[in-house]
Amino acid sequence: MKQRSKKTLVVLYPGCIEFEIKLVLELVSRISDVCVAAPSTAALAGSSGLTYVPDVSYQDALSEQFDCVLIPGGNVSEVIELPELHQLLRQADNNGAVMAAICSGPILLAISGVLVNKRHVNLSRYPKEMESIWDGSRFEKSPVVIDGSIITALPEAHIDFGVAVASAMGVFADEQEALQVGNYYKGLHKRDWSLLGR
């Protein structure tokens, strides 16, 4: 397989909701190698029951540099207190990576300090005593929020999220192509049935 010039890190954890990031991966894999990280390299299951075998642990991923970090939603409780994960997220952000998180994924960015002075949206449900993790960030009521290299989204906006991340990574030639791709995945395109001989 041809090695690509960019590298995307996917942060998985047990029970993560992988459909939220599938379109992003479909699009960015055109120009970017994909590396999957998890707490360890042991196989884990996502919310759909699909089993994933990570390429590296969060700890081992610290020795690599990434152009994009992608975090799906789900129950982040198993990884929320892992210092190596938060170090990895801070390091990638400091190196200028596109930091993309959807649904409850932004809670990991917040705890890592990546959202300080940034606008975001999230669907995190957390105890009242955890409200301080959002200090210094600004919540916006929007399906997708882009603030510099930080992209956050609600789960129902996974298509727009995918297109936004792919755009930030330079997948599309222009905004028109990005719009066409988004419309295609939303089923809003006009199909030319003559291409199928019908």
N, C-alpha and C. Protein backbone atom coordinates (compact mmCIF):
# COMPACT_ATOMS: atom_id res chain seq x y z
N MET A 1 0.84 -1.19 0.00
CA MET A 1 0.00 0.00 0.00
C MET A 1 0.88 1.25 0.00
N LYS A 2 0.51 2.22 -0.78
CA LYS A 2 1.26 3.46 -0.89
C LYS A 2 1.15 4.27 0.39
N GLN A 3 2.30 4.72 0.91
CA GLN A 3 2.28 5.55 2.10
C GLN A 3 1.90 6.98 1.72
N ARG A 4 1.03 7.57 2.50
CA ARG A 4 0.57 8.92 2.22
C ARG A 4 1.38 9.92 3.04
N SER A 5 1.28 11.18 2.67
CA SER A 5 2.11 12.21 3.31
C SER A 5 1.57 12.68 4.65
N LYS A 6 0.29 12.42 4.93
CA LYS A 6 -0.30 12.85 6.20
C LYS A 6 -0.64 11.65 7.06
N LYS A 7 -0.84 11.92 8.35
CA LYS A 7 -1.14 10.83 9.28
C LYS A 7 -2.26 11.25 10.23
N THR A 8 -3.28 10.41 10.31
CA THR A 8 -4.43 10.66 11.18
C THR A 8 -4.45 9.64 12.31
N LEU A 9 -4.62 10.12 13.53
CA LEU A 9 -4.72 9.25 14.70
C LEU A 9 -6.18 9.12 15.09
N VAL A 10 -6.66 7.90 15.22
CA VAL A 10 -8.01 7.63 15.69
C VAL A 10 -7.91 7.16 17.13
N VAL A 11 -8.56 7.87 18.04
CA VAL A 11 -8.55 7.53 19.46
C VAL A 11 -9.77 6.66 19.75
N LEU A 12 -9.54 5.36 19.90
CA LEU A 12 -10.63 4.45 20.23
C LEU A 12 -10.57 4.07 21.71
N TYR A 13 -11.71 3.61 22.21
CA TYR A 13 -11.81 3.13 23.59
C TYR A 13 -13.01 2.19 23.64
N PRO A 14 -13.07 1.30 24.62
CA PRO A 14 -14.18 0.34 24.67
C PRO A 14 -15.54 1.02 24.63
N GLY A 15 -16.39 0.57 23.72
CA GLY A 15 -17.74 1.10 23.61
C GLY A 15 -17.88 2.39 22.83
N CYS A 16 -16.80 2.86 22.22
CA CYS A 16 -16.91 4.11 21.45
C CYS A 16 -17.90 3.93 20.30
N ILE A 17 -18.50 5.02 19.90
CA ILE A 17 -19.54 4.98 18.87
C ILE A 17 -18.89 5.28 17.53
N GLU A 18 -18.43 4.23 16.89
CA GLU A 18 -17.58 4.38 15.72
C GLU A 18 -18.28 4.92 14.47
N PHE A 19 -19.59 4.77 14.35
CA PHE A 19 -20.25 5.28 13.14
C PHE A 19 -20.06 6.79 13.01
N GLU A 20 -19.88 7.48 14.12
CA GLU A 20 -19.75 8.93 14.10
C GLU A 20 -18.50 9.41 13.36
N ILE A 21 -17.51 8.52 13.22
CA ILE A 21 -16.27 8.92 12.56
C ILE A 21 -16.00 8.16 11.26
N LYS A 22 -16.91 7.28 10.87
CA LYS A 22 -16.69 6.46 9.66
C LYS A 22 -16.54 7.32 8.41
N LEU A 23 -17.37 8.33 8.23
CA LEU A 23 -17.25 9.16 7.03
C LEU A 23 -15.94 9.93 7.03
N VAL A 24 -15.55 10.45 8.19
CA VAL A 24 -14.26 11.15 8.26
C VAL A 24 -13.16 10.23 7.75
N LEU A 25 -13.15 9.00 8.23
CA LEU A 25 -12.10 8.06 7.83
C LEU A 25 -12.17 7.73 6.35
N GLU A 26 -13.37 7.56 5.84
CA GLU A 26 -13.55 7.29 4.41
C GLU A 26 -12.93 8.41 3.57
N LEU A 27 -13.11 9.64 4.01
CA LEU A 27 -12.63 10.79 3.25
C LEU A 27 -11.14 11.06 3.46
N VAL A 28 -10.69 11.10 4.72
CA VAL A 28 -9.28 11.46 4.95
C VAL A 28 -8.32 10.35 4.55
N SER A 29 -8.80 9.11 4.48
CA SER A 29 -7.90 8.01 4.08
C SER A 29 -7.44 8.16 2.63
N ARG A 30 -8.07 9.07 1.88
CA ARG A 30 -7.62 9.35 0.51
C ARG A 30 -6.23 9.99 0.50
N ILE A 31 -5.93 10.76 1.55
CA ILE A 31 -4.67 11.50 1.58
C ILE A 31 -3.84 11.23 2.83
N SER A 32 -4.37 10.43 3.75
CA SER A 32 -3.72 10.27 5.05
C SER A 32 -3.66 8.81 5.46
N ASP A 33 -2.51 8.40 6.00
CA ASP A 33 -2.45 7.11 6.65
C ASP A 33 -3.27 7.21 7.94
N VAL A 34 -3.83 6.11 8.38
CA VAL A 34 -4.65 6.09 9.59
C VAL A 34 -3.99 5.17 10.61
N CYS A 35 -3.80 5.69 11.81
CA CYS A 35 -3.23 4.93 12.92
C CYS A 35 -4.29 4.88 14.02
N VAL A 36 -4.58 3.69 14.52
CA VAL A 36 -5.59 3.52 15.56
C VAL A 36 -4.90 3.31 16.91
N ALA A 37 -5.26 4.14 17.88
CA ALA A 37 -4.70 4.04 19.22
C ALA A 37 -5.81 3.75 20.22
N ALA A 38 -5.45 3.05 21.27
CA ALA A 38 -6.39 2.71 22.35
C ALA A 38 -5.58 2.59 23.64
N PRO A 39 -6.24 2.32 24.76
CA PRO A 39 -5.48 2.20 26.00
C PRO A 39 -4.34 1.18 25.90
N SER A 40 -4.57 0.08 25.17
CA SER A 40 -3.53 -0.92 24.91
C SER A 40 -3.76 -1.43 23.49
N THR A 41 -2.92 -2.35 23.06
CA THR A 41 -3.10 -2.91 21.72
C THR A 41 -4.00 -4.14 21.73
N ALA A 42 -4.62 -4.42 22.87
CA ALA A 42 -5.58 -5.52 22.94
C ALA A 42 -6.83 -5.15 22.15
N ALA A 43 -7.46 -6.15 21.54
CA ALA A 43 -8.68 -5.92 20.77
C ALA A 43 -9.76 -5.31 21.67
N LEU A 44 -10.56 -4.43 21.09
CA LEU A 44 -11.67 -3.85 21.85
C LEU A 44 -12.88 -3.76 20.94
N ALA A 45 -14.05 -3.71 21.55
CA ALA A 45 -15.30 -3.64 20.79
C ALA A 45 -15.87 -2.23 20.87
N GLY A 46 -16.36 -1.75 19.73
CA GLY A 46 -17.07 -0.48 19.69
C GLY A 46 -18.53 -0.71 20.05
N SER A 47 -19.32 0.33 20.01
CA SER A 47 -20.73 0.23 20.40
C SER A 47 -21.52 -0.70 19.49
N SER A 48 -21.08 -0.87 18.25
CA SER A 48 -21.79 -1.74 17.31
C SER A 48 -21.48 -3.21 17.50
N GLY A 49 -20.48 -3.51 18.32
CA GLY A 49 -20.04 -4.88 18.51
C GLY A 49 -18.88 -5.26 17.62
N LEU A 50 -18.53 -4.40 16.65
CA LEU A 50 -17.35 -4.66 15.82
C LEU A 50 -16.11 -4.63 16.70
N THR A 51 -15.18 -5.53 16.41
CA THR A 51 -13.94 -5.61 17.18
C THR A 51 -12.83 -4.92 16.41
N TYR A 52 -12.03 -4.14 17.11
CA TYR A 52 -10.91 -3.41 16.52
C TYR A 52 -9.62 -3.83 17.20
N VAL A 53 -8.56 -3.93 16.41
CA VAL A 53 -7.24 -4.23 16.95
C VAL A 53 -6.39 -2.97 16.74
N PRO A 54 -6.13 -2.23 17.81
CA PRO A 54 -5.38 -0.98 17.69
C PRO A 54 -3.95 -1.21 17.17
N ASP A 55 -3.43 -0.20 16.48
CA ASP A 55 -2.05 -0.25 16.00
C ASP A 55 -1.08 0.03 17.13
N VAL A 56 -1.45 0.97 18.01
CA VAL A 56 -0.57 1.39 19.10
C VAL A 56 -1.40 1.71 20.34
N SER A 57 -0.71 1.74 21.47
CA SER A 57 -1.35 2.23 22.70
C SER A 57 -1.24 3.75 22.71
N TYR A 58 -2.02 4.39 23.57
CA TYR A 58 -1.90 5.84 23.71
C TYR A 58 -0.46 6.21 24.05
N GLN A 59 0.14 5.43 24.95
CA GLN A 59 1.52 5.70 25.38
C GLN A 59 2.48 5.64 24.21
N ASP A 60 2.37 4.59 23.40
CA ASP A 60 3.29 4.44 22.26
C ASP A 60 3.05 5.49 21.18
N ALA A 61 1.83 5.98 21.07
CA ALA A 61 1.51 7.00 20.07
C ALA A 61 2.21 8.32 20.38
N LEU A 62 2.65 8.50 21.62
CA LEU A 62 3.35 9.73 22.00
C LEU A 62 4.63 9.94 21.21
N SER A 63 5.21 8.87 20.69
CA SER A 63 6.47 8.98 19.94
C SER A 63 6.24 9.35 18.48
N GLU A 64 4.99 9.51 18.07
CA GLU A 64 4.68 9.82 16.68
C GLU A 64 4.06 11.21 16.56
N GLN A 65 4.06 11.74 15.34
CA GLN A 65 3.44 13.03 15.08
C GLN A 65 2.27 12.83 14.12
N PHE A 66 1.17 13.54 14.37
CA PHE A 66 -0.05 13.37 13.59
C PHE A 66 -0.54 14.71 13.05
N ASP A 67 -1.18 14.63 11.88
CA ASP A 67 -1.77 15.82 11.27
C ASP A 67 -3.21 16.02 11.72
N CYS A 68 -3.83 14.95 12.21
CA CYS A 68 -5.22 14.99 12.64
C CYS A 68 -5.42 13.98 13.76
N VAL A 69 -6.20 14.36 14.75
CA VAL A 69 -6.60 13.44 15.82
C VAL A 69 -8.12 13.40 15.81
N LEU A 70 -8.66 12.21 15.77
CA LEU A 70 -10.09 11.99 15.62
C LEU A 70 -10.63 11.22 16.82
N ILE A 71 -11.63 11.80 17.50
CA ILE A 71 -12.19 11.18 18.71
C ILE A 71 -13.69 10.98 18.55
N PRO A 72 -14.16 9.72 18.56
CA PRO A 72 -15.59 9.46 18.50
C PRO A 72 -16.24 9.67 19.87
N GLY A 73 -17.55 9.66 19.88
CA GLY A 73 -18.28 9.75 21.14
C GLY A 73 -18.45 8.38 21.77
N GLY A 74 -19.23 8.36 22.82
CA GLY A 74 -19.46 7.14 23.58
C GLY A 74 -19.19 7.40 25.05
N ASN A 75 -19.14 6.34 25.83
CA ASN A 75 -18.87 6.46 27.26
C ASN A 75 -17.36 6.52 27.48
N VAL A 76 -16.85 7.71 27.73
CA VAL A 76 -15.41 7.90 27.87
C VAL A 76 -14.89 7.58 29.27
N SER A 77 -15.74 7.06 30.14
CA SER A 77 -15.35 6.87 31.54
C SER A 77 -14.13 5.96 31.73
N GLU A 78 -13.94 4.99 30.83
CA GLU A 78 -12.79 4.08 30.98
C GLU A 78 -11.46 4.74 30.66
N VAL A 79 -11.48 5.86 29.94
CA VAL A 79 -10.22 6.49 29.55
C VAL A 79 -10.08 7.92 30.05
N ILE A 80 -11.08 8.41 30.73
CA ILE A 80 -11.12 9.82 31.11
C ILE A 80 -9.98 10.22 32.04
N GLU A 81 -9.45 9.28 32.81
CA GLU A 81 -8.40 9.60 33.76
C GLU A 81 -7.02 9.09 33.34
N LEU A 82 -6.85 8.71 32.08
CA LEU A 82 -5.56 8.19 31.63
C LEU A 82 -4.62 9.35 31.27
N PRO A 83 -3.57 9.57 32.06
CA PRO A 83 -2.69 10.71 31.80
C PRO A 83 -2.00 10.65 30.44
N GLU A 84 -1.69 9.43 29.97
CA GLU A 84 -1.02 9.32 28.68
C GLU A 84 -1.92 9.78 27.53
N LEU A 85 -3.23 9.59 27.67
CA LEU A 85 -4.16 10.06 26.64
C LEU A 85 -4.18 11.59 26.61
N HIS A 86 -4.26 12.20 27.78
CA HIS A 86 -4.31 13.67 27.84
C HIS A 86 -2.99 14.28 27.37
N GLN A 87 -1.88 13.62 27.68
CA GLN A 87 -0.59 14.08 27.19
C GLN A 87 -0.54 13.99 25.66
N LEU A 88 -1.06 12.90 25.12
CA LEU A 88 -1.10 12.70 23.67
C LEU A 88 -1.93 13.79 22.98
N LEU A 89 -3.10 14.11 23.55
CA LEU A 89 -3.96 15.13 22.96
C LEU A 89 -3.32 16.52 23.03
N ARG A 90 -2.71 16.85 24.16
CA ARG A 90 -2.03 18.14 24.29
C ARG A 90 -0.87 18.24 23.30
N GLN A 91 -0.10 17.16 23.20
CA GLN A 91 1.06 17.15 22.30
C GLN A 91 0.63 17.36 20.85
N ALA A 92 -0.40 16.64 20.42
CA ALA A 92 -0.88 16.77 19.04
C ALA A 92 -1.39 18.19 18.78
N ASP A 93 -2.12 18.74 19.74
CA ASP A 93 -2.62 20.11 19.59
C ASP A 93 -1.47 21.10 19.51
N ASN A 94 -0.48 20.95 20.37
CA ASN A 94 0.68 21.84 20.36
C ASN A 94 1.46 21.75 19.05
N ASN A 95 1.39 20.58 18.40
CA ASN A 95 2.08 20.38 17.12
C ASN A 95 1.25 20.84 15.93
N GLY A 96 0.05 21.39 16.19
CA GLY A 96 -0.77 21.95 15.12
C GLY A 96 -1.70 20.99 14.42
N ALA A 97 -1.95 19.83 15.01
CA ALA A 97 -2.86 18.86 14.39
C ALA A 97 -4.29 19.38 14.38
N VAL A 98 -5.06 18.95 13.40
CA VAL A 98 -6.51 19.16 13.42
C VAL A 98 -7.04 18.28 14.54
N MET A 99 -7.74 18.86 15.50
CA MET A 99 -8.27 18.12 16.64
C MET A 99 -9.78 18.03 16.45
N ALA A 100 -10.27 16.83 16.15
CA ALA A 100 -11.67 16.64 15.79
C ALA A 100 -12.35 15.67 16.75
N ALA A 101 -13.41 16.13 17.40
CA ALA A 101 -14.12 15.30 18.37
C ALA A 101 -15.62 15.49 18.20
N ILE A 102 -16.36 14.42 18.35
CA ILE A 102 -17.81 14.44 18.14
C ILE A 102 -18.52 13.83 19.34
N CYS A 103 -19.76 14.26 19.56
CA CYS A 103 -20.62 13.73 20.62
C CYS A 103 -19.97 14.00 21.97
N SER A 104 -19.61 12.97 22.73
CA SER A 104 -18.96 13.17 24.02
C SER A 104 -17.44 13.26 23.90
N GLY A 105 -16.90 13.09 22.70
CA GLY A 105 -15.45 13.18 22.50
C GLY A 105 -14.84 14.48 22.99
N PRO A 106 -15.52 15.63 22.83
CA PRO A 106 -14.92 16.89 23.29
C PRO A 106 -14.60 16.92 24.78
N ILE A 107 -15.23 16.08 25.58
CA ILE A 107 -14.89 16.07 27.01
C ILE A 107 -13.42 15.71 27.20
N LEU A 108 -12.88 14.84 26.34
CA LEU A 108 -11.46 14.48 26.44
C LEU A 108 -10.58 15.66 26.05
N LEU A 109 -11.01 16.43 25.06
CA LEU A 109 -10.26 17.63 24.69
C LEU A 109 -10.29 18.65 25.83
N ALA A 110 -11.45 18.79 26.48
CA ALA A 110 -11.58 19.76 27.58
C ALA A 110 -10.68 19.38 28.75
N ILE A 111 -10.71 18.13 29.15
CA ILE A 111 -9.90 17.69 30.29
C ILE A 111 -8.41 17.84 29.97
N SER A 112 -8.05 17.69 28.71
CA SER A 112 -6.65 17.83 28.30
C SER A 112 -6.21 19.28 28.19
N GLY A 113 -7.15 20.21 28.29
CA GLY A 113 -6.83 21.62 28.20
C GLY A 113 -6.82 22.16 26.78
N VAL A 114 -7.20 21.34 25.82
CA VAL A 114 -7.16 21.74 24.41
C VAL A 114 -8.24 22.77 24.07
N LEU A 115 -9.32 22.81 24.83
CA LEU A 115 -10.42 23.72 24.50
C LEU A 115 -10.34 25.08 25.18
N VAL A 116 -9.29 25.33 25.94
CA VAL A 116 -9.16 26.63 26.59
C VAL A 116 -9.10 27.72 25.52
N ASN A 117 -9.92 28.75 25.70
CA ASN A 117 -10.04 29.86 24.75
C ASN A 117 -10.57 29.43 23.39
N LYS A 118 -11.31 28.33 23.35
CA LYS A 118 -11.87 27.83 22.09
C LYS A 118 -13.38 27.70 22.21
N ARG A 119 -14.04 27.84 21.05
CA ARG A 119 -15.47 27.57 20.96
C ARG A 119 -15.65 26.09 20.66
N HIS A 120 -16.75 25.51 21.17
CA HIS A 120 -16.99 24.08 20.95
C HIS A 120 -18.47 23.76 21.13
N VAL A 121 -18.83 22.54 20.73
CA VAL A 121 -20.13 21.97 21.06
C VAL A 121 -19.84 20.56 21.56
N ASN A 122 -20.68 20.07 22.45
CA ASN A 122 -20.49 18.71 22.94
C ASN A 122 -21.82 18.15 23.41
N LEU A 123 -21.88 16.84 23.50
CA LEU A 123 -23.07 16.16 24.00
C LEU A 123 -22.68 15.34 25.23
N SER A 124 -21.79 15.89 26.02
CA SER A 124 -21.31 15.17 27.20
C SER A 124 -22.32 15.29 28.33
N ARG A 125 -22.57 14.17 28.93
CA ARG A 125 -23.37 14.16 30.15
C ARG A 125 -22.38 13.86 31.27
N TYR A 126 -22.28 14.76 32.21
CA TYR A 126 -21.27 14.62 33.25
C TYR A 126 -21.83 15.14 34.56
N PRO A 127 -21.28 14.68 35.67
CA PRO A 127 -21.76 15.14 36.97
C PRO A 127 -21.49 16.64 37.16
N LYS A 128 -22.32 17.27 37.96
CA LYS A 128 -22.21 18.72 38.22
C LYS A 128 -20.80 19.11 38.66
N GLU A 129 -20.16 18.24 39.44
CA GLU A 129 -18.82 18.57 39.95
C GLU A 129 -17.75 18.61 38.86
N MET A 130 -18.09 18.16 37.65
CA MET A 130 -17.13 18.19 36.54
C MET A 130 -17.29 19.42 35.65
N GLU A 131 -18.21 20.31 35.97
CA GLU A 131 -18.46 21.47 35.11
C GLU A 131 -17.22 22.31 34.89
N SER A 132 -16.30 22.30 35.84
CA SER A 132 -15.11 23.15 35.73
C SER A 132 -14.19 22.75 34.57
N ILE A 133 -14.35 21.54 34.02
CA ILE A 133 -13.48 21.15 32.90
C ILE A 133 -13.71 22.05 31.69
N TRP A 134 -14.87 22.70 31.62
CA TRP A 134 -15.19 23.56 30.48
C TRP A 134 -14.76 25.01 30.71
N ASP A 135 -14.18 25.29 31.89
CA ASP A 135 -13.74 26.66 32.19
C ASP A 135 -12.76 27.13 31.12
N GLY A 136 -12.96 28.34 30.67
CA GLY A 136 -12.07 28.91 29.66
C GLY A 136 -12.47 28.60 28.24
N SER A 137 -13.48 27.74 28.06
CA SER A 137 -13.96 27.44 26.71
C SER A 137 -15.37 28.02 26.56
N ARG A 138 -15.84 28.11 25.32
CA ARG A 138 -17.16 28.69 25.10
C ARG A 138 -18.04 27.72 24.32
N PHE A 139 -19.13 27.29 24.93
CA PHE A 139 -20.09 26.39 24.31
C PHE A 139 -20.93 27.15 23.29
N GLU A 140 -21.11 26.56 22.11
CA GLU A 140 -21.97 27.15 21.08
C GLU A 140 -23.06 26.17 20.70
N LYS A 141 -24.27 26.68 20.56
CA LYS A 141 -25.40 25.85 20.15
C LYS A 141 -25.41 25.75 18.63
N SER A 142 -24.57 24.87 18.11
CA SER A 142 -24.46 24.67 16.67
C SER A 142 -24.11 23.20 16.44
N PRO A 143 -24.59 22.59 15.36
CA PRO A 143 -24.30 21.18 15.12
C PRO A 143 -22.81 20.89 14.95
N VAL A 144 -22.08 21.80 14.29
CA VAL A 144 -20.64 21.67 14.11
C VAL A 144 -20.02 23.02 14.45
N VAL A 145 -18.95 23.00 15.24
CA VAL A 145 -18.25 24.23 15.59
C VAL A 145 -16.79 24.08 15.17
N ILE A 146 -16.31 25.05 14.41
CA ILE A 146 -14.92 25.07 13.97
C ILE A 146 -14.27 26.30 14.56
N ASP A 147 -13.20 26.10 15.31
CA ASP A 147 -12.43 27.20 15.88
C ASP A 147 -10.96 26.93 15.61
N GLY A 148 -10.45 27.52 14.56
CA GLY A 148 -9.07 27.23 14.15
C GLY A 148 -8.96 25.77 13.76
N SER A 149 -8.05 25.06 14.41
CA SER A 149 -7.85 23.64 14.08
C SER A 149 -8.69 22.71 14.95
N ILE A 150 -9.59 23.27 15.76
CA ILE A 150 -10.46 22.47 16.62
C ILE A 150 -11.83 22.34 15.95
N ILE A 151 -12.27 21.09 15.75
CA ILE A 151 -13.59 20.84 15.15
C ILE A 151 -14.37 19.92 16.08
N THR A 152 -15.53 20.39 16.54
CA THR A 152 -16.38 19.58 17.42
C THR A 152 -17.78 19.53 16.82
N ALA A 153 -18.51 18.47 17.17
CA ALA A 153 -19.84 18.30 16.57
C ALA A 153 -20.76 17.47 17.45
N LEU A 154 -22.05 17.66 17.22
CA LEU A 154 -23.07 16.80 17.80
C LEU A 154 -23.15 15.52 16.97
N PRO A 155 -23.61 14.42 17.56
CA PRO A 155 -23.60 13.14 16.83
C PRO A 155 -24.46 13.14 15.58
N GLU A 156 -25.59 13.86 15.60
CA GLU A 156 -26.46 13.86 14.43
C GLU A 156 -25.86 14.65 13.27
N ALA A 157 -24.76 15.35 13.52
CA ALA A 157 -24.09 16.13 12.47
C ALA A 157 -22.86 15.39 11.94
N HIS A 158 -22.86 14.06 12.04
CA HIS A 158 -21.65 13.31 11.68
C HIS A 158 -21.25 13.49 10.21
N ILE A 159 -22.20 13.74 9.33
CA ILE A 159 -21.84 13.95 7.91
C ILE A 159 -21.16 15.32 7.75
N ASP A 160 -21.75 16.36 8.29
CA ASP A 160 -21.13 17.68 8.21
C ASP A 160 -19.78 17.69 8.94
N PHE A 161 -19.69 16.97 10.04
CA PHE A 161 -18.42 16.82 10.77
C PHE A 161 -17.38 16.17 9.86
N GLY A 162 -17.76 15.09 9.20
CA GLY A 162 -16.84 14.39 8.31
C GLY A 162 -16.32 15.29 7.21
N VAL A 163 -17.22 16.06 6.61
CA VAL A 163 -16.83 16.97 5.53
C VAL A 163 -15.95 18.09 6.07
N ALA A 164 -16.26 18.61 7.27
CA ALA A 164 -15.46 19.69 7.86
C ALA A 164 -14.04 19.22 8.16
N VAL A 165 -13.91 18.02 8.72
CA VAL A 165 -12.57 17.50 9.02
C VAL A 165 -11.80 17.24 7.73
N ALA A 166 -12.46 16.64 6.75
CA ALA A 166 -11.81 16.38 5.46
C ALA A 166 -11.38 17.69 4.81
N SER A 167 -12.20 18.72 4.90
CA SER A 167 -11.83 20.04 4.35
C SER A 167 -10.60 20.59 5.05
N ALA A 168 -10.58 20.50 6.38
CA ALA A 168 -9.44 20.99 7.14
C ALA A 168 -8.15 20.24 6.80
N MET A 169 -8.30 19.00 6.40
CA MET A 169 -7.13 18.17 6.04
C MET A 169 -6.72 18.36 4.58
N GLY A 170 -7.48 19.12 3.81
CA GLY A 170 -7.12 19.38 2.42
C GLY A 170 -7.55 18.30 1.44
N VAL A 171 -8.60 17.56 1.78
CA VAL A 171 -9.08 16.48 0.91
C VAL A 171 -9.70 17.02 -0.37
N PHE A 172 -10.44 18.12 -0.26
CA PHE A 172 -11.21 18.62 -1.40
C PHE A 172 -10.47 19.71 -2.16
N ALA A 173 -10.76 19.80 -3.45
CA ALA A 173 -10.16 20.84 -4.30
C ALA A 173 -10.70 22.22 -3.95
N ASP A 174 -11.99 22.28 -3.55
CA ASP A 174 -12.61 23.56 -3.23
C ASP A 174 -13.88 23.33 -2.43
N GLU A 175 -14.53 24.43 -2.04
CA GLU A 175 -15.75 24.35 -1.23
C GLU A 175 -16.89 23.67 -1.98
N GLN A 176 -16.93 23.85 -3.29
CA GLN A 176 -17.98 23.23 -4.10
C GLN A 176 -17.89 21.71 -4.02
N GLU A 177 -16.68 21.17 -4.10
CA GLU A 177 -16.51 19.72 -3.99
C GLU A 177 -16.93 19.23 -2.61
N ALA A 178 -16.56 19.98 -1.57
CA ALA A 178 -16.96 19.62 -0.21
C ALA A 178 -18.48 19.59 -0.08
N LEU A 179 -19.15 20.59 -0.65
CA LEU A 179 -20.61 20.65 -0.61
C LEU A 179 -21.22 19.46 -1.36
N GLN A 180 -20.69 19.14 -2.52
CA GLN A 180 -21.20 18.01 -3.30
C GLN A 180 -21.04 16.70 -2.54
N VAL A 181 -19.91 16.51 -1.90
CA VAL A 181 -19.68 15.28 -1.14
C VAL A 181 -20.65 15.20 0.04
N GLY A 182 -20.82 16.31 0.75
CA GLY A 182 -21.77 16.32 1.86
C GLY A 182 -23.18 16.00 1.40
N ASN A 183 -23.60 16.61 0.31
CA ASN A 183 -24.94 16.34 -0.24
C ASN A 183 -25.08 14.90 -0.68
N TYR A 184 -24.04 14.34 -1.25
CA TYR A 184 -24.08 12.94 -1.68
C TYR A 184 -24.38 12.03 -0.49
N TYR A 185 -23.63 12.21 0.59
CA TYR A 185 -23.82 11.34 1.76
C TYR A 185 -25.12 11.61 2.50
N LYS A 186 -25.71 12.77 2.29
CA LYS A 186 -27.02 13.07 2.87
C LYS A 186 -28.16 12.61 1.97
N GLY A 187 -27.83 12.12 0.78
CA GLY A 187 -28.85 11.68 -0.17
C GLY A 187 -29.53 12.84 -0.88
N LEU A 188 -28.85 13.98 -0.95
CA LEU A 188 -29.44 15.17 -1.56
C LEU A 188 -28.95 15.42 -2.98
N HIS A 189 -28.19 14.51 -3.52
CA HIS A 189 -27.67 14.69 -4.87
C HIS A 189 -28.68 14.21 -5.91
N LYS A 190 -28.51 14.63 -7.13
CA LYS A 190 -29.37 14.17 -8.22
C LYS A 190 -28.67 13.01 -8.91
N ARG A 191 -29.28 11.85 -8.82
CA ARG A 191 -28.70 10.66 -9.45
C ARG A 191 -28.98 10.68 -10.94
N ASP A 192 -27.96 10.39 -11.73
CA ASP A 192 -28.10 10.27 -13.18
C ASP A 192 -28.31 8.79 -13.49
N TRP A 193 -29.57 8.39 -13.58
CA TRP A 193 -29.90 6.99 -13.80
C TRP A 193 -29.43 6.49 -15.16
N SER A 194 -29.19 7.40 -16.09
CA SER A 194 -28.73 6.97 -17.42
C SER A 194 -27.36 6.30 -17.35
N LEU A 195 -26.60 6.63 -16.32
CA LEU A 195 -25.29 6.00 -16.16
C LEU A 195 -25.41 4.51 -15.88
N LEU A 196 -26.57 4.09 -15.39
CA LEU A 196 -26.82 2.68 -15.08
C LEU A 196 -27.55 1.99 -16.22
N GLY A 197 -27.73 2.70 -17.33
CA GLY A 197 -28.43 2.11 -18.47
C GLY A 197 -29.93 2.05 -18.29
N ARG A 198 -30.47 2.90 -17.43
CA ARG A 198 -31.91 2.88 -17.15
C ARG A 198 -32.56 4.18 -17.55
